[in-house]
Protein backbone atom coordinates (compact mmCIF):
# COMPACT_ATOMS: atom_id res chain seq x y z
CA MET A 1 13.92 5.32 14.14
CA VAL A 2 11.56 2.35 13.84
CA GLN A 3 12.69 -0.50 11.62
CA LEU A 4 10.54 -3.36 10.41
CA LYS A 5 12.51 -5.74 12.66
CA ASP A 6 11.23 -3.73 15.67
CA ILE A 7 7.60 -4.55 14.97
CA SER A 8 6.20 -7.56 16.77
CA SER A 9 3.72 -10.04 15.33
CA ASP A 10 0.99 -8.86 17.72
CA GLU A 11 0.88 -5.53 15.84
CA TYR A 12 -0.72 -6.99 12.70
CA SER A 13 -2.72 -9.91 11.37
CA ASP A 14 -0.88 -13.02 10.13
CA TYR A 15 -2.52 -12.33 6.76
CA TYR A 16 -0.10 -9.45 6.20
CA GLN A 17 3.08 -11.50 6.72
CA THR A 18 3.24 -12.16 2.96
CA TYR A 19 3.66 -8.44 2.31
CA LEU A 20 5.97 -7.76 5.24
CA SER A 21 8.26 -10.61 4.19
CA LEU A 22 9.06 -8.66 1.00
CA ILE A 23 10.55 -5.76 2.96
CA ASP A 24 14.10 -5.77 4.31
CA PRO A 25 13.82 -6.00 8.12
CA GLN A 26 16.49 -3.28 8.45
CA THR A 27 14.35 -0.79 6.49
CA SER A 28 13.18 2.14 8.57
CA ILE A 29 9.78 3.72 8.74
CA ASP A 30 11.49 6.95 7.63
CA ASN A 31 12.64 5.41 4.32
CA VAL A 32 10.27 2.61 3.38
CA LEU A 33 7.59 4.73 1.70
CA GLN A 34 10.03 6.84 -0.34
CA GLU A 35 11.97 3.77 -1.46
CA SER A 36 8.71 2.08 -2.42
CA LEU A 37 7.60 5.13 -4.40
CA GLU A 38 10.87 5.11 -6.33
CA GLY A 39 10.35 1.42 -7.17
CA THR A 40 6.79 2.03 -8.36
CA LEU A 41 7.84 4.97 -10.53
CA SER A 42 10.65 2.87 -12.00
CA LEU A 43 8.16 0.14 -12.93
CA LEU A 44 5.80 2.70 -14.45
CA LYS A 45 8.65 4.13 -16.52
CA GLU A 46 9.66 0.72 -17.89
CA LEU A 47 6.10 -0.27 -18.86
CA GLU A 48 5.77 -0.61 -22.60
CA LYS A 49 2.41 -2.36 -22.63
CA PRO A 50 -0.74 -0.25 -22.39
CA LEU A 51 -2.22 0.14 -18.93
CA SER A 52 -5.38 -1.53 -20.28
CA TYR A 53 -3.41 -4.76 -20.92
CA SER A 54 -4.41 -7.88 -19.00
CA TYR A 55 -2.54 -11.17 -19.29
CA ALA A 56 -5.74 -13.27 -19.26
CA ALA A 57 -9.51 -12.98 -19.39
CA ASN A 58 -11.10 -11.88 -16.13
CA LYS A 59 -7.80 -10.62 -14.73
CA TRP A 60 -7.20 -7.02 -13.75
CA SER A 61 -5.44 -4.78 -16.23
CA ILE A 62 -2.08 -3.25 -15.35
CA GLY A 63 -3.88 0.03 -14.70
CA GLN A 64 -6.40 -1.66 -12.43
CA VAL A 65 -3.60 -3.30 -10.44
CA LEU A 66 -1.87 0.04 -9.96
CA GLN A 67 -5.17 1.75 -9.10
CA HIS A 68 -5.78 -1.04 -6.57
CA ASP A 69 -2.44 -0.18 -4.96
CA ILE A 70 -3.47 3.48 -4.74
CA ASP A 71 -6.88 2.61 -3.28
CA THR A 72 -5.34 0.24 -0.75
CA GLU A 73 -2.82 2.85 0.31
CA ARG A 74 -5.61 5.38 0.85
CA VAL A 75 -7.56 2.91 2.99
CA PHE A 76 -4.48 2.04 5.03
CA ALA A 77 -3.50 5.69 5.45
CA TYR A 78 -6.99 6.39 6.80
CA ARG A 79 -6.58 3.52 9.24
CA ALA A 80 -3.21 4.93 10.28
CA LEU A 81 -4.73 8.37 10.87
CA ARG A 82 -7.41 6.87 13.09
CA PHE A 83 -4.85 4.87 15.08
CA ILE A 84 -2.42 7.79 15.35
CA ARG A 85 -5.29 9.81 16.83
CA LYS A 86 -5.98 6.89 19.20
CA ASP A 87 -9.46 6.21 17.90
CA ALA A 88 -10.41 2.75 19.15
CA THR A 89 -13.53 2.51 16.98
CA PRO A 90 -13.32 -0.76 15.02
CA LEU A 91 -12.83 -0.02 11.33
CA PRO A 92 -14.43 -2.15 8.62
CA GLY A 93 -12.58 -3.89 5.85
CA PHE A 94 -13.09 -3.08 2.20
CA ASP A 95 -13.86 -5.18 -0.84
CA GLN A 96 -11.03 -4.79 -3.34
CA ASP A 97 -13.11 -6.38 -6.09
CA VAL A 98 -15.88 -3.81 -5.64
CA PHE A 99 -13.29 -1.03 -5.75
CA VAL A 100 -11.77 -2.39 -8.98
CA ALA A 101 -15.16 -3.08 -10.57
CA ASN A 102 -16.11 0.52 -9.97
CA SER A 103 -12.91 1.93 -11.39
CA LYS A 104 -13.33 0.26 -14.79
CA ASP A 105 -14.42 3.46 -16.42
CA LEU A 106 -11.25 5.29 -15.43
CA ALA A 107 -9.09 6.31 -18.34
CA PHE A 108 -5.68 4.98 -17.45
CA ALA A 109 -3.44 7.65 -18.86
CA LYS A 110 0.06 6.98 -17.61
CA ALA A 111 0.68 10.60 -16.62
CA GLU A 112 -2.55 10.77 -14.60
CA LEU A 113 -1.86 7.47 -12.87
CA LYS A 114 1.68 8.59 -12.05
CA LYS A 115 0.35 11.84 -10.58
CA SER A 116 -2.12 9.91 -8.42
CA ILE A 117 0.59 7.54 -7.21
CA ILE A 118 2.88 10.44 -6.26
CA THR A 119 0.14 12.54 -4.64
CA THR A 120 -1.16 9.62 -2.60
CA ARG A 121 2.32 8.62 -1.46
CA GLN A 122 3.32 12.18 -0.53
CA ALA A 123 0.19 12.45 1.63
CA THR A 124 1.03 9.16 3.34
CA ILE A 125 4.63 10.23 3.94
CA GLU A 126 3.38 13.52 5.39
CA LEU A 127 0.98 11.66 7.70
CA PHE A 128 3.92 9.80 9.25
CA SER A 129 6.33 12.75 9.30
CA ASN A 130 5.50 14.10 12.78
CA VAL A 131 4.08 11.31 14.87
CA THR A 132 5.05 10.26 18.35
CA MET A 133 6.04 6.73 19.28
CA ASP A 134 3.07 6.70 21.64
CA SER A 135 0.77 7.30 18.66
CA LEU A 136 2.55 4.76 16.48
CA ILE A 137 2.15 1.90 18.96
CA PHE A 138 -1.55 2.48 19.73
CA LYS A 139 -3.41 -0.72 18.88
CA GLY A 140 -6.45 -0.11 16.76
CA ASN A 141 -8.80 -2.53 15.09
CA ALA A 142 -9.32 -2.89 11.34
CA SER A 143 -11.16 -5.71 9.61
CA GLY A 144 -11.60 -7.37 13.00
CA GLN A 145 -7.83 -7.51 13.58
CA VAL A 146 -5.47 -5.61 15.87
CA MET A 147 -3.04 -3.31 14.10
CA THR A 148 -0.68 -0.48 15.00
CA ALA A 149 -0.03 2.57 12.87
CA ARG A 150 3.69 1.87 12.74
CA VAL A 151 3.26 -1.33 10.74
CA ILE A 152 1.19 0.40 8.06
CA PRO A 153 4.01 2.03 6.03
CA PHE A 154 5.69 -1.38 5.76
CA LEU A 155 2.39 -3.00 4.75
CA ILE A 156 1.80 -0.39 2.07
CA ALA A 157 5.30 -0.87 0.66
CA GLY A 158 5.07 -4.67 0.82
CA HIS A 159 1.64 -4.69 -0.79
CA ASN A 160 2.88 -2.50 -3.62
CA LEU A 161 5.99 -4.64 -4.10
CA HIS A 162 3.84 -7.78 -4.21
CA HIS A 163 1.75 -6.33 -7.03
CA GLU A 164 4.79 -4.93 -8.85
CA ASN A 165 6.26 -8.43 -8.81
CA VAL A 166 3.00 -9.82 -10.22
CA ILE A 167 3.06 -7.22 -12.99
CA ARG A 168 6.66 -8.08 -13.88
CA GLU A 169 6.07 -11.86 -13.75
CA ARG A 170 2.68 -12.14 -15.43
CA TYR A 171 2.09 -8.99 -17.45
CA LEU A 172 5.51 -8.14 -18.82
CA THR A 173 6.76 -11.58 -19.89
């Protein structure tokens, strides 16, 4: 069972340390995504403000932040699939601002957003359910940086937690 503490710094870009630092090093790859999902659903349940709420002009709404987490997870899950299949083709980055700008017209109904969060996470959990260590440690390239598939569940969870903390600190106060 792979734990975050088992992953070395040459398996990801320094940029991602901010997200990884939010995850308990003892957390296992088998648990991190489910625990993260439970945290996200807990936040969604406690939200009293509308998903269209933004704490300042030109800042993303709560719904846009949560949609950004979904989009990012989908991008990272695709990267993981490519690495698990040992595809060494360099993968491009993505522009989060373009993604958010083109999701403005989405109607952020809480039930629909919750369904998307759960569906996306279940697919990611399934992706990692039957992988070999050999596949998990394959070093692929995304956004010009080396990355292994086994760091991705921790990155997804840390990224989500980062944004959940932002929502709690800036949107719900």
